[in-house]
């Protein structure tokens, strides 16, 4: 990187917020995806809106790639930088600017941690539902960039359903505002909708206005134990077909149950072939009625035991165990590949069977868990990337999982994004014309190609 650029960055930020030593830069060379790291030329930590704008403008002038990074928890290579570029950290941009109880919205900076906002609004009797598994550390800017989902996506939707507006800097460093604090807003293009899921390729988020809703009056959590995973997956389809929409409807196979129990000691039945973790919430009468209907369906589909959490403490222990699934599996082997190919909800039983077939075909350990109620399973392959023969089978298995999901009318990614990892497969889902349209859109907004190059639409030339 040119000395003039580093001097300008130091003038903008001060020496304490500009990292150029190799040991610092290596820290930000990778994310949670199993991809080769790339060490950036510098790492910047802006503290103000003005600094962000100045940095973007400088990078535009010198054609320097920018990759924005929150907590780096994303699983698709979305925050792997360019070696001749910079990483912009949002950790210092972490203020909750406003929580409006009357109009039920919050305004936040991109570095606010997801669970932190959820806790603050809950104190006021309000609810921010999106809850990615990494919510304890992931940031809201990252959630917006990846359109993060979570356990409650079945009933409450995902991040895009709560973004009312935002402000951001475009590739030239111009300040752009879109959306509103009002429920309805039909002014201009829906640029906020375009930014959600754009993975840092269209602009750098400055502030986000998020919709809040009333906190549910009551909740009921259940653990349904099955002797076969087929029975569990068929129960999922039956619950949805009965027009019941639980707040959460999660599935864990035996492999995952054992790993989670060993990790969390939550009292899960390790001999179960599969578990469903189910929660209904809302008005007490509705919760009781839906809870009874779900119990009836579970029994009809062969549940061996069904337990209702007796209090909030037991409920929280159950859900904490589920949220630990990724960490629990990660302890078992050196390399973990977590996928999120998603299918229509009615095809969950078919996808579960397909995953079992893939594991046998390629002789791989695959733990399956995920948001079964919205069709979003997380087949997790445990391997060691240093074993070249096995890694080749892993790559074949991943491609077959994608093909199976697409053949069922599904998608490559329900919530993890495209990034670098899935960009090579994108044409299978949306076709070349859609990719070229997206590339033209990017080029119009970012002519020099400096915003997170290579993500979403594959590699395109930089100017």
Protein backbone atom coordinates (compact mmCIF):
# COMPACT_ATOMS: atom_id res chain seq x y z
CA UNK A 1 0.00 0.00 0.00
CA UNK A 2 1.29 3.44 -0.89
CA UNK A 3 2.90 5.44 1.90
CA UNK A 4 0.65 8.40 1.05
CA UNK A 5 -2.45 6.33 1.73
CA UNK A 6 -1.14 5.17 5.10
CA UNK A 7 -0.26 8.75 6.03
CA UNK A 8 -3.77 9.91 5.13
CA UNK A 9 -5.37 7.04 7.09
CA UNK A 10 -3.24 7.93 10.11
CA UNK A 11 -4.29 11.58 9.81
CA UNK A 12 -7.96 10.57 9.67
CA UNK A 13 -7.89 8.01 12.48
CA UNK A 14 -4.86 8.58 14.65
CA UNK A 15 -2.19 5.91 15.10
CA UNK A 16 -4.17 3.87 17.66
CA UNK A 17 -6.98 3.15 15.21
CA UNK A 18 -4.82 2.13 12.27
CA UNK A 19 -3.29 -1.36 12.38
CA UNK A 20 -0.43 -2.14 10.03
CA UNK A 21 1.68 -4.71 11.91
CA UNK A 22 1.50 -8.18 10.36
CA UNK A 23 0.31 -9.90 13.57
CA UNK A 24 -2.65 -7.49 13.72
CA UNK A 25 -3.51 -7.78 10.04
CA UNK A 26 -3.45 -11.61 10.08
CA UNK A 27 -6.19 -11.57 12.72
CA UNK A 28 -8.56 -10.15 10.10
CA UNK A 29 -7.52 -12.36 7.19
CA UNK A 30 -10.28 -14.96 7.58
CA UNK A 31 -13.79 -15.55 8.89
CA UNK A 32 -15.78 -18.65 9.93
CA UNK A 33 -15.84 -20.14 6.43
CA UNK A 34 -13.34 -22.87 5.50
CA UNK A 35 -11.50 -20.79 2.90
CA UNK A 36 -7.93 -19.65 2.40
CA UNK A 37 -7.16 -16.47 4.38
CA UNK A 38 -5.94 -13.26 2.77
CA UNK A 39 -3.99 -10.74 4.83
CA UNK A 40 -5.05 -7.12 4.19
CA UNK A 41 -2.60 -4.24 3.84
CA UNK A 42 -4.15 -2.34 6.75
CA UNK A 43 -6.97 -2.48 9.28
CA UNK A 44 -8.92 0.64 10.26
CA UNK A 45 -11.20 1.27 13.23
CA UNK A 46 -13.23 4.44 12.64
CA UNK A 47 -15.04 6.04 15.58
CA UNK A 48 -17.29 8.49 13.75
CA UNK A 49 -19.45 8.84 10.67
CA UNK A 50 -17.15 11.50 9.32
CA UNK A 51 -14.15 9.17 9.53
CA UNK A 52 -15.99 6.44 7.63
CA UNK A 53 -16.84 8.84 4.82
CA UNK A 54 -13.26 10.12 4.63
CA UNK A 55 -11.88 6.57 4.50
CA UNK A 56 -14.23 5.53 1.70
CA UNK A 57 -13.43 8.67 -0.28
CA UNK A 58 -9.70 8.03 0.13
CA UNK A 59 -10.03 4.40 -0.97
CA UNK A 60 -12.03 5.49 -3.99
CA UNK A 61 -9.37 8.00 -5.02
CA UNK A 62 -6.60 5.39 -4.79
CA UNK A 63 -8.71 2.38 -5.98
CA UNK A 64 -8.16 0.48 -2.73
CA UNK A 65 -10.55 -2.41 -1.92
CA UNK A 66 -12.58 -2.12 1.30
CA UNK A 67 -14.01 -5.05 3.26
CA UNK A 68 -16.25 -4.14 6.19
CA UNK A 69 -16.11 -6.48 9.18
CA UNK A 70 -18.27 -6.71 12.27
CA UNK A 71 -17.45 -9.75 14.41
CA UNK A 72 -16.37 -11.98 11.54
CA UNK A 73 -18.86 -14.75 12.40
CA UNK A 74 -20.18 -15.13 8.86
CA UNK A 75 -19.88 -18.55 7.27
CA UNK A 76 -19.57 -17.79 3.56
CA UNK A 77 -16.26 -15.95 3.24
CA UNK A 78 -17.99 -12.59 3.16
CA UNK A 79 -15.33 -10.81 5.21
CA UNK A 80 -12.20 -12.32 3.68
CA UNK A 81 -10.39 -9.22 2.38
CA UNK A 82 -8.12 -8.47 -0.57
CA UNK A 83 -4.36 -8.51 0.04
CA UNK A 84 -4.00 -5.01 -1.42
CA UNK A 85 -7.02 -3.69 0.47
CA UNK A 86 -8.13 -2.62 3.92
CA UNK A 87 -10.48 -4.09 6.49
CA UNK A 88 -12.82 -1.58 8.13
CA UNK A 89 -13.91 -2.69 11.60
CA UNK A 90 -17.26 -1.47 12.96
CA UNK A 91 -16.54 -2.31 16.61
CA UNK A 92 -16.23 1.34 17.66
CA UNK A 93 -19.48 2.26 15.89
CA UNK A 94 -21.55 0.53 18.57
CA UNK A 95 -24.11 2.98 19.91
CA UNK A 96 -27.84 2.36 20.29
CA UNK A 97 -28.88 5.84 19.24
CA UNK A 98 -32.60 5.61 20.04
CA UNK A 99 -35.22 3.15 21.26
CA UNK A 100 -38.64 4.67 20.60
CA UNK A 101 -41.27 2.93 22.71
CA UNK A 102 -44.26 4.77 21.21
CA UNK A 103 -43.50 4.25 17.54
CA UNK A 104 -41.65 0.98 18.22
CA UNK A 105 -38.39 1.37 16.38
CA UNK A 106 -34.71 1.49 17.25
CA UNK A 107 -31.87 3.35 15.54
CA UNK A 108 -28.47 1.72 15.87
CA UNK A 109 -24.95 1.93 14.56
CA UNK A 110 -23.67 -1.12 12.66
CA UNK A 111 -21.34 -2.33 15.42
CA UNK A 112 -24.11 -2.92 17.99
CA UNK A 113 -24.18 -6.58 19.06
CA UNK A 114 -27.48 -8.29 18.18
CA UNK A 115 -28.18 -9.73 21.63
CA UNK A 116 -27.33 -6.38 23.20
CA UNK A 117 -30.11 -4.62 21.32
CA UNK A 118 -32.55 -7.46 22.05
CA UNK A 119 -31.84 -7.18 25.78
CA UNK A 120 -32.24 -3.40 25.83
CA UNK A 121 -35.57 -3.38 24.01
CA UNK A 122 -36.85 -6.25 26.17
CA UNK A 123 -36.38 -4.04 29.24
CA UNK A 124 -39.01 -1.77 27.68
CA UNK A 125 -41.45 -4.59 26.93
CA UNK A 126 -40.49 -4.66 23.25
CA UNK A 127 -39.11 -7.40 21.01
CA UNK A 128 -36.49 -7.58 18.28
CA UNK A 129 -37.04 -11.13 16.96
CA UNK A 130 -34.13 -11.91 14.54
CA UNK A 131 -31.81 -14.22 16.50
CA UNK A 132 -28.92 -15.72 14.53
CA UNK A 133 -27.03 -18.45 16.36
CA UNK A 134 -24.12 -16.04 16.75
CA UNK A 135 -26.29 -13.30 18.26
CA UNK A 136 -24.17 -13.05 21.42
CA UNK A 137 -21.29 -11.69 19.31
CA UNK A 138 -22.61 -10.88 15.83
CA UNK A 139 -23.32 -7.26 14.94
CA UNK A 140 -26.44 -5.72 13.48
CA UNK A 141 -24.51 -4.29 10.53
CA UNK A 142 -23.34 -7.81 9.72
CA UNK A 143 -26.87 -9.14 10.18
CA UNK A 144 -28.17 -6.61 7.67
CA UNK A 145 -25.31 -7.27 5.23
CA UNK A 146 -26.01 -11.03 5.31
CA UNK A 147 -29.79 -10.83 5.87
CA UNK A 148 -29.28 -13.04 8.92
CA UNK A 149 -32.05 -15.36 10.10
CA UNK A 150 -32.17 -17.47 13.22
CA UNK A 151 -34.31 -19.77 15.30
CA UNK A 152 -37.37 -17.50 15.29
CA UNK A 153 -37.41 -17.00 11.51
CA UNK A 154 -40.33 -19.41 11.06
CA UNK A 155 -42.85 -17.13 12.76
CA UNK A 156 -41.17 -13.75 12.85
CA UNK A 157 -39.12 -13.59 9.67
CA UNK A 158 -35.51 -12.55 9.19
CA UNK A 159 -33.50 -9.33 9.32
CA UNK A 160 -34.96 -7.86 6.10
CA UNK A 161 -38.42 -7.91 7.69
CA UNK A 162 -37.30 -5.44 10.38
CA UNK A 163 -35.23 -2.92 8.42
CA UNK A 164 -37.26 0.29 8.06
CA UNK A 165 -34.46 2.47 6.78
CA UNK A 166 -30.77 3.21 6.92
CA UNK A 167 -28.01 5.60 5.97
CA UNK A 168 -24.83 4.49 4.23
CA UNK A 169 -21.81 5.69 2.26
CA UNK A 170 -21.60 4.77 -1.41
CA UNK A 171 -18.37 3.75 -3.16
CA UNK A 172 -17.38 7.38 -3.73
CA UNK A 173 -17.88 8.31 -0.07
CA UNK A 174 -21.21 10.11 -0.62
CA UNK A 175 -23.74 9.94 2.23
CA UNK A 176 -27.02 8.25 1.24
CA UNK A 177 -30.25 8.07 3.27
CA UNK A 178 -33.18 5.78 2.57
CA UNK A 179 -36.33 4.61 4.34
CA UNK A 180 -38.11 6.20 7.27
CA UNK A 181 -39.22 5.91 10.90
CA UNK A 182 -42.77 5.39 9.65
CA UNK A 183 -44.38 2.01 9.04
CA UNK A 184 -45.20 3.01 5.47
CA UNK A 185 -42.67 4.65 3.19
CA UNK A 186 -43.01 4.80 -0.61
CA UNK A 187 -40.48 7.55 -1.26
CA UNK A 188 -37.92 6.85 -3.96
CA UNK A 189 -36.23 3.53 -4.64
CA UNK A 190 -36.19 0.96 -1.85
CA UNK A 191 -32.45 1.31 -1.35
CA UNK A 192 -32.64 -0.18 2.15
CA UNK A 193 -34.10 -3.34 0.65
CA UNK A 194 -31.27 -3.40 -1.87
CA UNK A 195 -28.63 -3.01 0.84
CA UNK A 196 -30.00 -5.87 2.95
CA UNK A 197 -28.10 -9.00 1.97
CA UNK A 198 -25.66 -7.07 -0.24
CA UNK A 199 -22.66 -8.25 1.83
CA UNK A 200 -20.86 -4.91 1.75
CA UNK A 201 -20.75 -4.77 -2.04
CA UNK A 202 -22.97 -1.70 -2.52
CA UNK A 203 -22.13 0.60 0.39
CA UNK A 204 -20.94 0.96 3.98
CA UNK A 205 -23.75 1.11 6.53
CA UNK A 206 -23.78 4.08 8.92
CA UNK A 207 -27.08 3.80 10.83
CA UNK A 208 -29.98 1.34 10.72
CA UNK A 209 -33.62 1.92 11.71
CA UNK A 210 -35.16 -1.33 12.92
CA UNK A 211 -38.78 -2.22 13.58
CA UNK A 212 -39.69 -3.47 17.06
CA UNK A 213 -42.83 -5.34 18.10
CA UNK A 214 -44.57 -6.03 21.44
CA UNK A 215 -42.98 -8.75 23.54
CA UNK A 216 -45.00 -12.01 23.53
CA UNK A 217 -47.31 -12.32 26.53
CA UNK A 218 -46.41 -15.94 27.23
CA UNK A 219 -44.39 -18.84 25.86
CA UNK A 220 -44.40 -22.62 26.02
CA UNK A 221 -41.36 -24.75 25.13
CA UNK A 222 -41.41 -28.48 24.41
CA UNK A 223 -38.87 -31.22 23.73
CA UNK A 224 -40.18 -34.05 21.55
CA UNK A 225 -38.06 -37.23 21.44
CA UNK A 226 -38.20 -39.64 18.47
CA UNK A 227 -36.89 -43.11 17.71
CA UNK A 228 -36.23 -42.18 14.06
CA UNK A 229 -35.29 -38.91 12.40
CA UNK A 230 -37.90 -39.63 9.72
CA UNK A 231 -40.67 -39.44 12.34
CA UNK A 232 -39.30 -36.14 13.60
CA UNK A 233 -39.08 -34.60 10.13
CA UNK A 234 -42.58 -35.82 9.24
CA UNK A 235 -43.88 -34.16 12.42
CA UNK A 236 -42.39 -30.87 11.26
CA UNK A 237 -44.32 -31.10 7.99
CA UNK A 238 -47.50 -32.09 9.84
CA UNK A 239 -47.31 -29.10 12.20
CA UNK A 240 -46.92 -26.65 9.31
CA UNK A 241 -49.64 -28.41 7.28
CA UNK A 242 -51.97 -27.97 10.26
CA UNK A 243 -51.54 -24.17 9.87
CA UNK A 244 -49.66 -23.89 13.15
CA UNK A 245 -46.69 -21.53 13.09
CA UNK A 246 -44.54 -22.00 16.20
CA UNK A 247 -42.06 -19.32 17.19
CA UNK A 248 -39.34 -21.95 16.81
CA UNK A 249 -39.30 -25.48 15.45
CA UNK A 250 -35.80 -26.97 15.58
CA UNK A 251 -34.47 -30.44 14.79
CA UNK A 252 -31.34 -32.22 16.04
CA UNK A 253 -30.14 -35.64 14.92
CA UNK A 254 -28.50 -38.16 17.27
CA UNK A 255 -24.97 -37.17 16.30
CA UNK A 256 -25.69 -33.55 17.20
CA UNK A 257 -27.62 -34.44 20.37
CA UNK A 258 -24.65 -36.37 21.75
CA UNK A 259 -22.20 -33.58 20.90
CA UNK A 260 -24.44 -30.90 22.44
CA UNK A 261 -25.07 -32.87 25.61
CA UNK A 262 -21.38 -33.56 26.08
CA UNK A 263 -20.72 -29.84 25.61
CA UNK A 264 -23.59 -28.29 27.58
CA UNK A 265 -24.83 -30.99 30.05
CA UNK A 266 -28.39 -29.78 29.53
CA UNK A 267 -29.98 -33.17 30.18
CA UNK A 268 -30.75 -34.06 26.55
CA UNK A 269 -31.61 -37.74 25.90
CA UNK A 270 -28.47 -39.02 24.16
CA UNK A 271 -30.16 -42.25 23.01
CA UNK A 272 -32.79 -40.36 20.99
CA UNK A 273 -32.54 -40.69 17.21
CA UNK A 274 -33.83 -37.13 16.89
CA UNK A 275 -35.26 -34.25 18.88
CA UNK A 276 -37.67 -31.50 18.03
CA UNK A 277 -37.39 -28.35 20.11
CA UNK A 278 -40.66 -26.45 19.79
CA UNK A 279 -41.83 -23.15 21.20
CA UNK A 280 -45.15 -21.39 20.78
CA UNK A 281 -45.74 -17.86 22.01
CA UNK A 282 -48.38 -15.14 22.08
CA UNK A 283 -51.69 -14.73 23.91
CA UNK A 284 -52.05 -17.32 26.71
CA UNK A 285 -55.23 -18.82 25.23
CA UNK A 286 -53.64 -19.21 21.79
CA UNK A 287 -50.45 -20.66 23.27
CA UNK A 288 -52.44 -23.27 25.20
CA UNK A 289 -54.53 -24.20 22.17
CA UNK A 290 -51.58 -24.48 19.80
CA UNK A 291 -49.57 -26.37 22.40
CA UNK A 292 -52.31 -28.99 22.69
CA UNK A 293 -52.58 -29.35 18.90
CA UNK A 294 -48.82 -29.85 18.62
CA UNK A 295 -48.89 -32.50 21.37
CA UNK A 296 -51.61 -34.37 19.48
CA UNK A 297 -49.65 -34.25 16.22
CA UNK A 298 -46.44 -35.40 17.90
CA UNK A 299 -48.22 -38.41 19.41
CA UNK A 300 -49.84 -39.22 16.08
CA UNK A 301 -46.43 -39.22 14.37
CA UNK A 302 -44.83 -41.57 16.92
CA UNK A 303 -43.14 -39.36 19.53
CA UNK A 304 -41.63 -41.50 22.27
CA UNK A 305 -41.62 -38.81 24.97
CA UNK A 306 -42.79 -35.21 25.05
CA UNK A 307 -41.73 -32.85 27.81
CA UNK A 308 -42.90 -29.29 28.42
CA UNK A 309 -40.46 -26.91 30.11
CA UNK A 310 -41.71 -26.28 33.65
CA UNK A 311 -40.36 -22.74 33.97
CA UNK A 312 -38.22 -20.10 32.26
CA UNK A 313 -35.04 -21.52 33.76
CA UNK A 314 -35.63 -24.92 32.16
CA UNK A 315 -36.70 -23.25 28.91
CA UNK A 316 -33.56 -21.14 28.77
CA UNK A 317 -31.40 -24.22 29.41
CA UNK A 318 -33.01 -26.03 26.46
CA UNK A 319 -32.47 -23.15 24.04
CA UNK A 320 -28.95 -22.44 25.28
CA UNK A 321 -28.14 -26.08 24.51
CA UNK A 322 -29.53 -25.72 20.98
CA UNK A 323 -27.54 -22.55 20.38
CA UNK A 324 -24.38 -24.38 21.42
CA UNK A 325 -24.72 -26.96 18.61
CA UNK A 326 -22.09 -25.38 16.36
CA UNK A 327 -19.58 -24.97 19.18
CA UNK A 328 -20.22 -28.53 20.36
CA UNK A 329 -19.64 -30.03 16.92
CA UNK A 330 -16.58 -27.87 16.31
CA UNK A 331 -14.78 -29.61 19.19
CA UNK A 332 -14.94 -33.02 17.52
CA UNK A 333 -12.63 -32.58 14.52
CA UNK A 334 -10.13 -29.97 13.26
CA UNK A 335 -12.35 -28.74 10.40
CA UNK A 336 -16.07 -28.01 10.45
CA UNK A 337 -18.09 -27.14 7.35
CA UNK A 338 -21.53 -25.75 8.20
CA UNK A 339 -23.97 -25.47 5.29
CA UNK A 340 -27.45 -24.00 5.10
CA UNK A 341 -29.05 -25.18 1.87
CA UNK A 342 -32.77 -24.65 2.39
CA UNK A 343 -35.85 -26.38 0.95
CA UNK A 344 -39.60 -25.74 0.99
CA UNK A 345 -40.95 -26.82 4.38
CA UNK A 346 -42.92 -29.73 2.96
CA UNK A 347 -39.67 -31.23 1.62
CA UNK A 348 -37.90 -31.43 4.99
CA UNK A 349 -38.38 -35.24 5.25
CA UNK A 350 -36.92 -35.66 1.74
CA UNK A 351 -33.94 -33.43 2.54
CA UNK A 352 -33.23 -35.25 5.80
CA UNK A 353 -33.16 -38.57 3.93
CA UNK A 354 -30.95 -37.04 1.22
CA UNK A 355 -28.42 -35.87 3.82
CA UNK A 356 -28.23 -39.34 5.31
CA UNK A 357 -27.60 -40.77 1.84
CA UNK A 358 -24.86 -38.21 1.16
CA UNK A 359 -23.11 -39.05 4.44
CA UNK A 360 -23.08 -42.76 3.55
CA UNK A 361 -22.10 -42.22 -0.08
CA UNK A 362 -19.03 -40.13 0.76
CA UNK A 363 -18.22 -41.84 4.07
CA UNK A 364 -18.41 -38.61 6.06
CA UNK A 365 -19.54 -37.62 9.54
CA UNK A 366 -22.44 -35.21 9.12
CA UNK A 367 -24.38 -33.80 12.06
CA UNK A 368 -27.73 -32.33 11.07
CA UNK A 369 -29.58 -29.68 13.01
CA UNK A 370 -31.37 -26.48 12.16
CA UNK A 371 -34.52 -24.52 11.66
CA UNK A 372 -36.67 -27.34 10.36
CA UNK A 373 -39.86 -25.30 10.54
CA UNK A 374 -38.71 -22.97 7.76
CA UNK A 375 -36.85 -25.62 5.77
CA UNK A 376 -33.42 -24.34 6.80
CA UNK A 377 -31.28 -27.30 7.83
CA UNK A 378 -27.62 -27.06 8.81
CA UNK A 379 -25.80 -30.21 7.68
CA UNK A 380 -22.43 -29.95 9.42
CA UNK A 381 -19.55 -31.94 7.99
CA UNK A 382 -16.78 -32.84 10.42
CA UNK A 383 -13.44 -33.47 8.79
CA UNK A 384 -9.76 -32.53 8.66
CA UNK A 385 -8.84 -30.38 5.68
CA UNK A 386 -5.28 -31.69 5.85
CA UNK A 387 -6.58 -35.10 4.76
CA UNK A 388 -6.61 -34.38 1.02
CA UNK A 389 -8.56 -37.50 0.02
CA UNK A 390 -11.29 -36.88 2.58
CA UNK A 391 -11.42 -33.16 1.73
CA UNK A 392 -12.06 -34.06 -1.90
CA UNK A 393 -15.04 -36.16 -0.76
CA UNK A 394 -16.24 -33.22 1.34
CA UNK A 395 -16.22 -30.94 -1.70
CA UNK A 396 -18.18 -33.52 -3.68
CA UNK A 397 -20.66 -33.91 -0.84
CA UNK A 398 -21.22 -30.16 -0.57
CA UNK A 399 -21.98 -29.88 -4.27
CA UNK A 400 -24.40 -32.82 -4.06
CA UNK A 401 -26.16 -31.24 -1.07
CA UNK A 402 -26.62 -28.06 -3.10
CA UNK A 403 -27.93 -30.04 -6.07
CA UNK A 404 -30.39 -31.94 -3.86
CA UNK A 405 -31.73 -28.72 -2.35
CA UNK A 406 -32.13 -27.03 -5.73
CA UNK A 407 -33.87 -30.09 -7.19
CA UNK A 408 -36.48 -29.75 -4.42
CA UNK A 409 -37.15 -26.11 -5.26
CA UNK A 410 -34.79 -24.87 -2.56
CA UNK A 411 -31.92 -22.41 -2.36
CA UNK A 412 -28.16 -22.52 -1.84
CA UNK A 413 -28.37 -20.41 1.30
CA UNK A 414 -31.19 -19.71 3.71
CA UNK A 415 -29.28 -17.31 5.95
CA UNK A 416 -25.48 -17.55 5.63
CA UNK A 417 -25.17 -15.58 2.40
CA UNK A 418 -23.22 -16.16 -0.79
CA UNK A 419 -19.84 -14.55 -0.12
CA UNK A 420 -16.90 -16.29 -1.75
CA UNK A 421 -17.95 -19.80 -0.79
CA UNK A 422 -21.17 -20.05 -2.78
CA UNK A 423 -20.50 -17.60 -5.61
CA UNK A 424 -19.21 -20.44 -7.88
CA UNK A 425 -22.53 -22.27 -7.49
CA UNK A 426 -24.80 -19.25 -7.95
CA UNK A 427 -25.44 -19.84 -11.65
CA UNK A 428 -27.06 -23.19 -10.82
CA UNK A 429 -29.77 -21.38 -8.88
CA UNK A 430 -30.40 -18.07 -10.61
CA UNK A 431 -28.81 -18.41 -14.05
CA UNK A 432 -26.12 -16.42 -15.86
CA UNK A 433 -28.43 -13.58 -16.91
CA UNK A 434 -29.28 -12.83 -13.27
CA UNK A 435 -25.60 -12.81 -12.34
CA UNK A 436 -24.76 -10.46 -15.22
CA UNK A 437 -27.61 -8.15 -14.24
CA UNK A 438 -26.22 -8.04 -10.68
CA UNK A 439 -22.73 -7.31 -12.01
CA UNK A 440 -24.01 -4.40 -14.09
CA UNK A 441 -25.80 -3.06 -11.04
CA UNK A 442 -22.62 -3.26 -8.99
CA UNK A 443 -20.55 -1.60 -11.69
CA UNK A 444 -22.99 1.30 -11.92
CA UNK A 445 -22.79 1.90 -8.16
CA UNK A 446 -19.12 1.04 -7.75
CA UNK A 447 -17.31 1.69 -11.08
CA UNK A 448 -13.86 0.96 -9.63
CA UNK A 449 -14.98 -2.29 -7.99
CA UNK A 450 -13.53 -1.48 -4.55
CA UNK A 451 -16.42 -2.62 -2.33
CA UNK A 452 -15.79 -6.17 -1.08
CA UNK A 453 -14.55 -7.55 -4.43
CA UNK A 454 -15.39 -11.12 -5.40
CA UNK A 455 -18.35 -11.55 -3.08
CA UNK A 456 -21.88 -12.47 -4.21
CA UNK A 457 -21.37 -12.30 -7.98
CA UNK A 458 -17.89 -13.76 -8.32
CA UNK A 459 -14.70 -12.09 -9.44
CA UNK A 460 -15.06 -9.01 -11.64
CA UNK A 461 -12.24 -6.73 -12.88
CA UNK A 462 -11.27 -3.79 -10.67
CA UNK A 463 -10.42 -0.43 -12.21
